[in-house]
Protein backbone atom coordinates (compact mmCIF):
# COMPACT_ATOMS: atom_id res chain seq x y z
CA MET A 1 -132.66 63.17 -137.02
CA ILE A 2 -136.54 62.49 -136.08
CA TYR A 3 -139.45 64.81 -137.18
CA SER A 4 -140.21 64.96 -133.72
CA SER A 5 -136.69 65.96 -132.07
CA TYR A 6 -135.76 69.41 -131.30
CA ALA A 7 -133.37 69.94 -133.98
CA PHE A 8 -135.20 69.03 -136.82
CA LEU A 9 -138.22 71.37 -135.04
CA LEU A 10 -135.98 73.98 -135.13
CA LEU A 11 -134.38 73.85 -138.58
CA LEU A 12 -137.34 73.55 -140.41
CA PRO A 13 -139.03 77.13 -140.29
CA PRO A 14 -135.39 78.64 -141.61
CA LEU A 15 -135.67 75.96 -144.24
CA LEU A 16 -139.13 77.12 -145.20
CA VAL A 17 -138.36 80.86 -145.49
CA TRP A 18 -135.26 79.84 -147.59
CA PHE A 19 -137.35 77.69 -149.77
CA TYR A 20 -139.40 80.39 -150.70
CA PHE A 21 -137.15 82.89 -150.58
CA LEU A 22 -135.37 81.13 -153.64
CA ARG A 23 -138.03 82.16 -156.43
CA SER A 24 -136.40 79.42 -159.42
CA THR A 25 -137.19 76.25 -160.09
CA LEU A 26 -133.32 74.96 -159.74
CA GLY A 27 -132.85 77.01 -156.34
CA GLN A 28 -135.31 74.93 -154.63
CA ASN A 29 -134.45 72.06 -155.72
CA LEU A 30 -131.29 72.18 -154.95
CA LEU A 31 -131.59 73.35 -151.41
CA ILE A 32 -134.18 70.71 -150.60
CA LEU A 33 -131.49 68.29 -151.97
CA SER A 34 -128.80 69.37 -149.92
CA ALA A 35 -131.21 69.45 -146.73
CA SER A 36 -132.39 65.90 -148.00
CA ILE A 37 -128.72 65.17 -147.83
CA ILE A 38 -127.94 66.44 -144.44
CA PHE A 39 -130.82 64.90 -142.92
CA LEU A 40 -129.89 61.39 -143.97
CA ALA A 41 -126.22 62.26 -142.91
CA ALA A 42 -127.11 62.83 -139.54
CA SER A 43 -127.08 59.82 -137.94
CA ASN A 44 -124.07 58.17 -139.71
CA LEU A 45 -122.40 59.47 -142.94
CA TRP A 46 -122.12 56.11 -144.29
CA ASN A 47 -126.26 56.24 -145.18
CA LEU A 48 -124.98 58.44 -148.15
CA LEU A 49 -123.03 55.75 -149.73
CA PRO A 50 -125.66 53.25 -150.72
CA ALA A 51 -128.25 56.08 -151.56
CA PHE A 52 -125.11 57.85 -153.95
CA ILE A 53 -124.96 53.98 -155.56
CA VAL A 54 -129.19 53.96 -156.29
CA ILE A 55 -128.63 57.21 -157.42
CA VAL A 56 -125.52 56.63 -160.06
CA LEU A 57 -126.18 53.10 -161.02
CA VAL A 58 -129.81 53.87 -162.06
CA TYR A 59 -129.14 57.59 -163.79
CA SER A 60 -126.35 55.41 -166.21
CA TRP A 61 -128.87 53.42 -167.22
CA PHE A 62 -131.60 56.15 -167.86
CA ARG A 63 -128.73 57.56 -169.81
CA LEU A 64 -127.80 54.75 -171.79
CA ASP A 65 -130.93 53.56 -172.66
CA ALA A 66 -132.35 57.35 -174.08
CA ARG A 67 -129.29 56.71 -176.17
CA TYR A 68 -128.93 53.00 -177.40
CA TRP A 69 -132.83 51.46 -176.62
CA LEU A 70 -131.40 48.83 -174.34
CA ASN A 71 -133.27 45.32 -174.33
CA TRP A 72 -135.20 44.20 -170.61
CA ARG A 73 -132.40 42.09 -170.43
CA PHE A 74 -129.70 45.26 -169.46
CA LEU A 75 -133.03 45.83 -166.98
CA ALA A 76 -132.82 42.95 -165.02
CA VAL A 77 -129.00 43.26 -164.58
CA VAL A 78 -130.17 46.71 -163.38
CA ILE A 79 -133.10 45.64 -161.17
CA GLY A 80 -130.84 42.41 -159.68
CA LEU A 81 -128.06 44.81 -158.35
CA LEU A 82 -130.19 47.14 -156.76
CA VAL A 83 -131.50 44.07 -155.42
CA PHE A 84 -128.18 42.43 -154.55
CA GLN A 85 -126.92 45.86 -153.16
CA LEU A 86 -130.03 45.75 -150.80
CA VAL A 87 -129.67 42.20 -149.97
CA TYR A 88 -125.55 42.32 -149.35
CA LEU A 89 -126.44 45.37 -146.71
CA LYS A 90 -129.77 44.71 -144.80
CA TYR A 91 -129.97 40.60 -145.14
CA ARG A 92 -126.34 39.59 -144.23
CA SER A 93 -127.00 38.19 -141.09
CA PHE A 94 -130.21 36.12 -142.43
CA VAL A 95 -127.95 34.82 -145.45
CA PHE A 96 -125.77 33.61 -142.64
CA GLU A 97 -127.82 32.35 -140.38
CA THR A 98 -130.07 30.36 -143.25
CA PHE A 99 -127.34 29.55 -146.02
CA ASP A 100 -124.37 29.70 -142.93
CA VAL A 101 -122.48 32.11 -145.96
CA VAL A 102 -120.29 34.74 -144.90
CA LEU A 103 -120.79 37.99 -147.15
CA PRO A 104 -117.53 39.94 -146.63
CA ILE A 105 -117.82 43.49 -145.97
CA PRO A 106 -116.01 46.68 -144.67
CA ALA A 107 -115.71 47.25 -140.76
CA ALA A 108 -117.71 50.36 -140.73
CA LEU A 109 -120.49 49.05 -142.88
CA ALA A 110 -120.77 45.77 -140.57
CA SER A 111 -123.14 47.15 -138.20
CA LEU A 112 -124.54 50.01 -140.27
CA ILE A 113 -128.54 48.97 -141.93
CA PRO A 114 -128.71 52.24 -143.91
CA LEU A 115 -131.67 54.74 -142.92
CA GLY A 116 -134.91 54.15 -145.77
CA ILE A 117 -132.58 51.45 -148.23
CA SER A 118 -135.87 49.14 -148.58
CA PHE A 119 -137.72 52.10 -149.66
CA TYR A 120 -135.29 54.15 -151.75
CA THR A 121 -134.62 50.11 -153.25
CA PHE A 122 -138.21 49.59 -154.17
CA GLU A 123 -138.65 53.48 -155.71
CA ALA A 124 -135.90 53.19 -157.84
CA ILE A 125 -137.46 49.84 -159.25
CA SER A 126 -140.35 50.89 -159.86
CA ALA A 127 -138.93 54.21 -161.28
CA VAL A 128 -136.59 51.74 -163.89
CA VAL A 129 -139.82 49.44 -164.60
CA ASP A 130 -142.28 52.74 -165.36
CA ILE A 131 -139.74 54.61 -167.29
CA LYS A 132 -138.86 52.03 -169.77
CA ARG A 133 -142.78 51.27 -170.29
CA ARG A 134 -142.66 54.31 -171.71
CA LYS A 135 -145.12 55.69 -169.40
CA GLN A 136 -143.94 59.18 -168.53
CA LEU A 137 -143.26 62.29 -169.81
CA VAL A 138 -140.82 63.36 -167.40
CA PRO A 139 -137.67 62.68 -168.50
CA PRO A 140 -135.01 62.30 -165.26
CA THR A 141 -132.17 64.44 -165.07
CA ALA A 142 -129.02 65.21 -163.15
CA ILE A 143 -131.48 67.13 -160.53
CA ASN A 144 -134.55 65.61 -160.38
CA TRP A 145 -133.62 61.98 -160.26
CA PRO A 146 -131.08 61.99 -156.81
CA LEU A 147 -134.15 64.85 -155.62
CA PHE A 148 -136.89 61.99 -156.30
CA ILE A 149 -134.57 59.26 -154.49
CA MET A 150 -133.61 61.46 -150.94
CA PHE A 151 -136.75 63.39 -151.23
CA PHE A 152 -136.37 63.76 -147.27
CA PRO A 153 -139.94 63.78 -146.50
CA HIS A 154 -140.73 60.68 -148.13
CA LEU A 155 -136.47 59.14 -147.61
CA ILE A 156 -136.35 57.12 -144.45
CA ALA A 157 -140.34 55.97 -144.03
CA GLY A 158 -142.00 56.44 -146.60
CA PRO A 159 -144.23 56.42 -148.52
CA ILE A 160 -143.06 54.32 -151.04
CA VAL A 161 -143.67 56.99 -154.24
CA ARG A 162 -144.16 56.21 -157.83
CA TRP A 163 -142.13 58.31 -160.28
CA ARG A 164 -145.21 59.79 -162.47
CA LEU A 165 -146.32 60.90 -158.97
CA LEU A 166 -143.15 63.04 -157.65
CA ALA A 167 -141.10 63.92 -160.51
CA PRO A 168 -143.74 66.41 -162.28
CA GLN A 169 -143.87 68.28 -159.08
CA PHE A 170 -140.03 69.14 -159.70
CA ASP A 171 -140.48 71.01 -162.79
CA THR A 172 -141.86 74.10 -161.30
CA ALA A 173 -140.90 76.84 -158.52
CA LYS A 174 -143.00 76.48 -155.70
CA ASN A 175 -144.86 79.81 -154.58
CA LEU A 176 -146.06 80.68 -150.55
CA GLN A 177 -149.66 79.17 -150.14
CA TRP A 178 -150.74 79.60 -146.70
CA ARG A 179 -153.56 76.80 -147.71
CA ASN A 180 -150.72 74.70 -147.95
CA ILE A 181 -148.66 75.71 -144.68
CA SER A 182 -152.28 75.25 -143.13
CA ILE A 183 -153.06 71.71 -144.31
CA GLY A 184 -149.18 71.13 -144.24
CA LEU A 185 -149.32 72.14 -140.31
CA TYR A 186 -152.48 69.92 -139.99
CA LEU A 187 -151.12 66.65 -140.87
CA PHE A 188 -147.75 67.11 -139.17
CA THR A 189 -149.76 68.08 -135.82
CA ILE A 190 -151.45 64.56 -136.42
CA GLY A 191 -148.63 62.82 -137.33
CA PHE A 192 -146.84 64.35 -133.81
CA LEU A 193 -149.44 63.81 -130.98
CA LYS A 194 -149.75 60.36 -132.72
CA LYS A 195 -145.91 59.86 -132.02
CA LEU A 196 -146.38 61.46 -128.47
CA ALA A 197 -148.90 58.78 -128.10
CA ALA A 198 -146.71 56.10 -129.51
CA ASP A 199 -143.66 56.46 -126.96
CA PRO A 200 -145.11 55.73 -123.56
CA LEU A 201 -146.93 52.82 -125.17
CA GLY A 202 -143.34 51.67 -126.29
CA ASP A 203 -142.24 51.68 -122.79
CA LEU A 204 -144.76 50.13 -120.92
CA ILE A 205 -144.64 47.10 -123.26
CA ASP A 206 -141.07 46.76 -123.92
CA PRO A 207 -140.20 44.63 -120.79
CA VAL A 208 -143.06 42.45 -120.98
CA TRP A 209 -141.23 41.28 -124.92
CA ALA A 210 -138.24 41.38 -123.49
CA ALA A 211 -139.34 38.87 -121.09
CA PRO A 212 -142.21 36.93 -121.99
CA GLY A 213 -141.24 33.64 -119.92
CA GLN A 214 -141.98 36.00 -116.90
CA ALA A 215 -145.53 37.28 -117.65
CA ASP A 216 -149.64 36.18 -117.65
CA TRP A 217 -151.87 35.87 -120.02
CA SER A 218 -153.52 39.15 -119.07
CA THR A 219 -150.07 41.10 -119.33
CA PHE A 220 -149.18 39.53 -122.58
CA MET A 221 -152.60 40.84 -123.85
CA LEU A 222 -152.22 43.92 -122.80
CA ALA A 223 -148.71 44.30 -124.32
CA LEU A 224 -149.76 42.94 -127.48
CA LEU A 225 -152.78 45.37 -127.39
CA GLY A 226 -150.44 47.90 -127.00
CA PHE A 227 -147.79 47.21 -129.56
CA TYR A 228 -151.21 46.78 -132.19
CA THR A 229 -151.99 50.23 -131.38
CA GLN A 230 -148.04 51.84 -131.25
CA ASN A 231 -147.52 50.32 -134.19
CA TYR A 232 -150.16 52.42 -136.09
CA LEU A 233 -149.44 55.40 -134.05
CA ASP A 234 -145.70 55.38 -134.69
CA PHE A 235 -145.54 54.69 -138.30
CA SER A 236 -148.79 56.64 -139.50
CA GLY A 237 -147.69 59.36 -137.73
CA TYR A 238 -144.40 59.50 -139.29
CA THR A 239 -145.98 59.40 -142.84
CA ASP A 240 -148.42 61.97 -141.17
CA MET A 241 -145.57 64.19 -140.43
CA GLY A 242 -143.56 63.43 -143.65
CA ARG A 243 -146.71 64.45 -145.67
CA GLY A 244 -147.26 67.65 -143.54
CA VAL A 245 -143.64 68.66 -144.31
CA ALA A 246 -143.82 67.93 -147.92
CA ARG A 247 -146.82 70.03 -148.24
CA MET A 248 -145.93 72.87 -146.67
CA LEU A 249 -142.97 72.97 -149.35
CA GLY A 250 -145.63 72.42 -152.11
CA PHE A 251 -145.17 69.24 -152.48
CA ARG A 252 -148.08 66.25 -152.43
CA LEU A 253 -147.29 62.80 -151.07
CA PRO A 254 -149.68 60.27 -151.27
CA ILE A 255 -152.01 59.12 -148.39
CA ASN A 256 -150.57 55.56 -146.67
CA PHE A 257 -153.21 54.92 -144.32
CA ARG A 258 -156.79 54.91 -144.25
CA ALA A 259 -158.31 53.66 -141.05
CA PRO A 260 -157.44 49.71 -141.63
CA PHE A 261 -158.73 48.67 -137.91
CA PHE A 262 -162.33 49.36 -139.55
CA ALA A 263 -161.48 47.27 -142.36
CA HIS A 264 -163.82 43.94 -143.31
CA SER A 265 -161.98 41.89 -145.47
CA PRO A 266 -157.95 41.39 -145.79
CA VAL A 267 -157.82 42.74 -149.28
CA GLU A 268 -159.69 46.24 -148.17
CA PHE A 269 -157.28 46.00 -145.20
CA TYR A 270 -154.11 46.15 -147.38
CA GLN A 271 -155.64 49.30 -149.60
CA ARG A 272 -155.20 50.60 -146.00
CA TRP A 273 -152.73 50.17 -144.11
CA HIS A 274 -149.10 51.01 -145.68
CA VAL A 275 -150.99 51.42 -148.88
CA SER A 276 -147.95 52.59 -150.88
CA LEU A 277 -145.98 49.21 -149.95
CA SER A 278 -149.26 47.00 -150.82
CA ASN A 279 -149.47 48.62 -154.01
CA TRP A 280 -145.74 48.11 -154.88
CA ILE A 281 -145.76 44.38 -153.80
CA ARG A 282 -149.36 43.87 -155.81
CA ILE A 283 -148.22 45.59 -159.30
CA PHE A 284 -144.74 44.21 -159.06
CA LEU A 285 -144.67 40.89 -157.63
CA TYR A 286 -147.93 39.68 -157.16
CA ASP A 287 -149.56 40.47 -160.82
CA SER A 288 -146.50 39.77 -162.59
CA LEU A 289 -146.67 35.99 -160.88
CA ALA A 290 -150.38 35.62 -161.55
CA VAL A 291 -150.22 36.64 -164.39
CA ALA A 292 -147.48 34.03 -165.37
CA VAL A 293 -150.03 31.48 -163.82
CA PHE A 294 -152.64 31.87 -165.92
CA ARG A 295 -150.90 31.46 -168.51
CA ARG A 296 -148.22 28.51 -167.57
CA VAL A 297 -150.53 26.59 -165.73
CA ARG A 298 -153.62 24.50 -167.08
CA GLY A 299 -156.94 22.98 -165.07
CA ARG A 300 -158.54 25.49 -162.37
CA THR A 301 -157.53 23.73 -159.20
CA ARG A 302 -154.10 23.58 -160.09
CA GLN A 303 -154.62 27.33 -160.80
CA ASN A 304 -156.44 27.68 -157.72
CA LEU A 305 -153.60 26.06 -155.83
CA ALA A 306 -150.38 27.62 -158.12
CA LEU A 307 -152.25 31.63 -156.83
CA PHE A 308 -152.17 30.05 -153.09
CA GLY A 309 -148.70 29.73 -153.69
CA VAL A 310 -148.40 32.68 -155.15
CA ILE A 311 -149.96 35.02 -152.02
CA ILE A 312 -147.63 32.65 -149.43
CA PHE A 313 -144.70 33.83 -151.05
CA VAL A 314 -145.55 37.17 -151.69
CA MET A 315 -146.49 37.84 -148.51
CA GLY A 316 -143.65 36.03 -147.33
CA ILE A 317 -141.57 38.71 -149.51
CA PHE A 318 -143.74 41.27 -147.47
CA GLY A 319 -142.81 39.86 -144.18
CA LEU A 320 -139.54 39.51 -145.00
CA TRP A 321 -139.30 42.97 -146.22
CA HIS A 322 -139.40 44.54 -142.80
CA GLY A 323 -136.26 42.55 -141.25
CA SER A 324 -133.74 40.50 -142.10
CA ALA A 325 -135.06 37.43 -139.28
CA TRP A 326 -137.38 34.32 -140.43
CA HIS A 327 -139.58 35.74 -137.64
CA PHE A 328 -140.74 38.70 -140.16
CA VAL A 329 -141.09 36.05 -143.06
CA LEU A 330 -143.33 33.84 -140.95
CA PHE A 331 -145.53 36.90 -140.21
CA GLY A 332 -145.91 37.63 -144.07
CA VAL A 333 -146.77 34.10 -144.42
CA ALA A 334 -149.40 33.95 -141.19
CA GLN A 335 -151.20 37.21 -143.17
CA GLY A 336 -150.67 35.33 -146.66
CA LEU A 337 -152.42 32.10 -144.78
CA VAL A 338 -155.48 35.07 -143.64
CA ILE A 339 -155.57 36.47 -146.97
CA SER A 340 -155.92 32.69 -148.60
CA ALA A 341 -158.57 31.35 -145.91
CA TRP A 342 -161.05 34.29 -146.16
CA THR A 343 -160.61 34.26 -150.03
CA GLY A 344 -161.52 30.48 -149.95
CA THR A 345 -164.04 30.99 -147.34
CA THR A 346 -165.49 34.27 -148.63
CA LYS A 347 -165.44 34.13 -152.61
CA GLY A 348 -164.50 37.88 -152.13
CA ARG A 349 -167.96 38.99 -151.23
CA ALA A 350 -168.70 41.46 -149.22
CA PRO A 351 -170.86 41.40 -145.86
CA ARG A 352 -174.76 42.18 -146.34
CA THR A 353 -175.46 43.17 -143.03
CA ARG A 354 -174.26 45.12 -140.05
CA ILE A 355 -173.50 42.84 -138.16
CA GLY A 356 -171.27 40.79 -141.15
CA TRP A 357 -169.60 44.20 -141.17
CA LEU A 358 -168.93 44.44 -137.69
CA ALA A 359 -167.72 40.49 -137.31
CA SER A 360 -165.53 40.78 -140.06
CA VAL A 361 -164.00 43.76 -138.74
CA LEU A 362 -163.63 41.56 -135.41
CA ILE A 363 -162.19 38.75 -136.83
CA LEU A 364 -159.60 40.31 -139.48
CA GLN A 365 -158.07 42.55 -136.28
CA LEU A 366 -157.74 39.70 -134.10
CA THR A 367 -155.78 37.53 -137.04
CA TRP A 368 -154.00 40.75 -137.72
CA LEU A 369 -153.14 41.08 -133.44
CA PHE A 370 -151.97 37.76 -133.35
CA SER A 371 -149.81 38.05 -136.67
CA LEU A 372 -148.07 40.28 -134.70
CA ILE A 373 -146.59 38.77 -132.40
CA PHE A 374 -143.99 37.22 -135.12
CA PHE A 375 -143.91 40.83 -135.99
CA ARG A 376 -142.72 42.01 -132.60
CA ALA A 377 -140.84 39.41 -131.21
CA ASP A 378 -137.22 39.27 -131.24
CA SER A 379 -136.93 35.79 -132.81
CA VAL A 380 -138.98 32.97 -133.65
CA PRO A 381 -138.13 31.01 -130.44
CA SER A 382 -139.28 34.20 -128.57
CA ALA A 383 -143.07 34.44 -130.49
CA ILE A 384 -143.74 30.87 -129.47
CA GLU A 385 -143.07 31.76 -125.81
CA PHE A 386 -144.82 34.57 -126.05
CA ILE A 387 -147.84 32.53 -127.57
CA GLY A 388 -147.43 29.99 -124.99
CA GLY A 389 -147.77 32.69 -122.71
CA LEU A 390 -151.02 33.43 -123.38
CA THR A 391 -152.06 29.69 -121.62
CA ARG A 392 -150.40 30.96 -119.05
CA GLN A 393 -152.82 31.80 -115.87
CA ARG A 394 -151.62 33.83 -112.89
CA GLN A 395 -153.41 37.10 -112.05
CA SER A 396 -149.91 39.37 -112.55
CA SER A 397 -150.82 42.32 -114.54
CA GLU A 398 -149.11 45.52 -114.46
CA PRO A 399 -152.13 48.19 -113.63
CA ALA A 400 -150.06 50.61 -115.95
CA LEU A 401 -150.67 48.49 -119.24
CA MET A 402 -154.08 49.10 -118.84
CA TRP A 403 -153.23 52.98 -120.44
CA CYS A 404 -153.16 50.43 -123.63
CA LEU A 405 -156.58 50.02 -123.91
CA VAL A 406 -157.00 53.59 -123.41
CA ALA A 407 -154.49 54.25 -126.30
CA THR A 408 -156.70 51.75 -128.86
CA ALA A 409 -160.09 53.24 -127.88
CA GLY A 410 -158.66 56.57 -128.55
CA THR A 411 -157.12 55.59 -132.19
CA LEU A 412 -160.11 53.99 -132.90
CA LEU A 413 -162.01 57.05 -132.23
CA VAL A 414 -159.27 58.55 -134.56
CA GLN A 415 -159.54 55.83 -137.18
CA ALA A 416 -163.50 56.04 -136.94
CA ALA A 417 -163.41 59.94 -137.77
CA GLU A 418 -161.12 58.79 -141.01
CA TYR A 419 -163.45 56.24 -142.44
CA TYR A 420 -166.81 58.58 -141.97
CA VAL A 421 -164.91 61.40 -143.68
CA ARG A 422 -167.68 61.59 -146.40
CA SER A 423 -170.41 62.37 -143.51
CA ARG A 424 -171.12 65.68 -144.37
CA PRO A 425 -170.58 66.89 -140.33
CA VAL A 426 -166.82 64.94 -140.15
CA ALA A 427 -165.96 66.35 -143.66
CA ARG A 428 -166.91 69.84 -142.68
CA VAL A 429 -165.06 69.63 -139.24
CA LEU A 430 -162.06 68.46 -141.13
CA CYS A 431 -162.21 71.36 -143.95
CA THR A 432 -162.19 73.45 -141.29
CA MET A 433 -159.52 72.46 -139.22
CA ARG A 434 -157.20 72.04 -142.78
CA SER A 435 -158.00 75.09 -144.84
CA THR A 436 -159.61 77.86 -142.98
CA THR A 437 -157.76 80.46 -140.91
CA MET A 438 -159.43 79.93 -137.97
CA GLY A 439 -158.60 75.96 -137.96
CA ALA A 440 -154.85 76.76 -138.82
CA CYS A 441 -154.89 78.76 -135.04
CA LEU A 442 -156.53 75.97 -133.80
CA VAL A 443 -154.02 73.45 -135.12
CA GLY A 444 -151.14 75.52 -134.37
CA LEU A 445 -152.44 76.10 -130.57
CA ALA A 446 -152.16 72.23 -130.20
CA PHE A 447 -148.92 71.66 -131.81
CA LEU A 448 -147.67 74.37 -129.38
CA GLY A 449 -149.76 72.43 -126.74
CA ALA A 450 -148.08 69.23 -127.75
CA LEU A 451 -144.90 70.49 -127.78
CA ALA A 452 -144.88 71.70 -124.36
CA LEU A 453 -145.67 68.48 -122.88
CA LYS A 454 -143.34 66.64 -125.07
CA ILE A 455 -140.72 69.36 -122.99
CA ALA A 456 -142.14 68.32 -119.97
CA ILE A 457 -141.99 65.15 -120.14
CA ASP A 458 -137.93 64.71 -121.43
CA ALA A 459 -137.43 67.39 -118.51
CA HIS A 460 -139.27 64.73 -116.10
CA THR A 461 -137.71 61.61 -117.73
CA MET A 462 -134.32 63.53 -117.34
CA ALA A 463 -134.88 64.93 -113.95
CA VAL A 464 -135.30 60.91 -112.81
CA GLN A 465 -132.04 60.12 -114.67
CA GLY A 466 -130.05 62.55 -113.14
CA GLY A 467 -129.90 64.84 -116.29
CA ALA A 468 -128.70 62.56 -118.40
CA GLY A 469 -130.09 62.90 -122.40
CA GLY A 470 -131.36 65.44 -124.36
CA ASP A 471 -133.50 64.71 -126.76
CA LEU A 472 -135.56 61.58 -125.25
CA SER A 473 -137.82 60.92 -128.70
CA ARG A 474 -137.77 56.89 -129.70
CA PRO A 475 -136.32 55.77 -132.88
CA PHE A 476 -139.49 55.31 -135.21
CA ILE A 477 -140.40 51.37 -135.21
CA TYR A 478 -140.04 51.76 -139.41
CA PHE A 479 -136.25 53.50 -139.22
CA ARG A 480 -134.75 49.73 -139.49
CA PHE A 481 -136.68 48.83 -142.72
């Protein structure tokens, strides 16, 4: 089940009514937990097994630690078991291809990559570390801990939420507030529109990526630009819809995208792109390794070389998080090289002029654009073949691919509004759309118009296919992560 599916759109209003009809905190939490279990099990019942293992394992550690004050070695064991399950279920093929090691697995799980396992595993690791450091005031219970892991607005595609941000919100009953409904509807509509724009882009560019040896450089560039836009619209759209559903229920999830195409440096880019994962990687991987470098490595030159190695390693993990294949690792390594080269060249200084800022933005986005070749390709040879096709001089580009330029231009306009949100006119318009009755009505009309357009597109597609199919929404790109 995905947020843009007809099933979810039909079930959400009754869920909201039932949720606010319940007045007790326990009743509301149990309802959301039940809905989250159904949401995860809708595609495959086996998706529940690894999530339940995470819940039981970590909650058992919480109880034992509270009673016996376990040391950090026991925490390392728990984290190791969480990582082992993630590797066992998601990276079996990668382990086999790299080390020629076959991991035995039941037939029912052989072809399954559990939905959202990367997200809730990282959330569990951050929670056990934070609670062990005693930075949290809200203790885990048999209700709020499973709800934290399985809370369906962030379950499948993030954002990756910290315990201290979400757990306190489970402690009080939610009262119906029209401001929450209005803002939630606004966020959901924005995400729905992004998803509606991303799906046709995927239909346009998928044939090019499937046969990289049959196109010229212009076709490749348009297909690459199409994926550059589709990836943002698809992922940020799902996150916006999840944040919108959470807000309609009275919960707040952190922003995961902040106009990343207007970043002027890699550091700023990852403060704007998939913010929750970037923060997790920085806090729980990079910072720890960087501290170890400064403590154990002597000499500025050696430290710089060691930090370069840390960046490449961390970004390689960042790439591998996205998928169990070497082309994802190369995507992360490419980004690590960009970060290292950029830092070494600019010394961390920001551009001082508008021309310098514009040049930095263009150069950075070009590096991101071409690194996405490794992200989108099906394999390393496919990525190399695609790169080779960029030098092929044939004029055979598909005219329909020109829509990729239109989609990119529209995306940049939307991100410009996000980037200049502090501008008074832009802020005034956004506040009107999000938190006034008139704005809520306009957003509601926009959503109904988008839904009507989706129905018309699906009806046309079904007619072309001879009546086959139902809800024709494409799966979200990040569902496989």
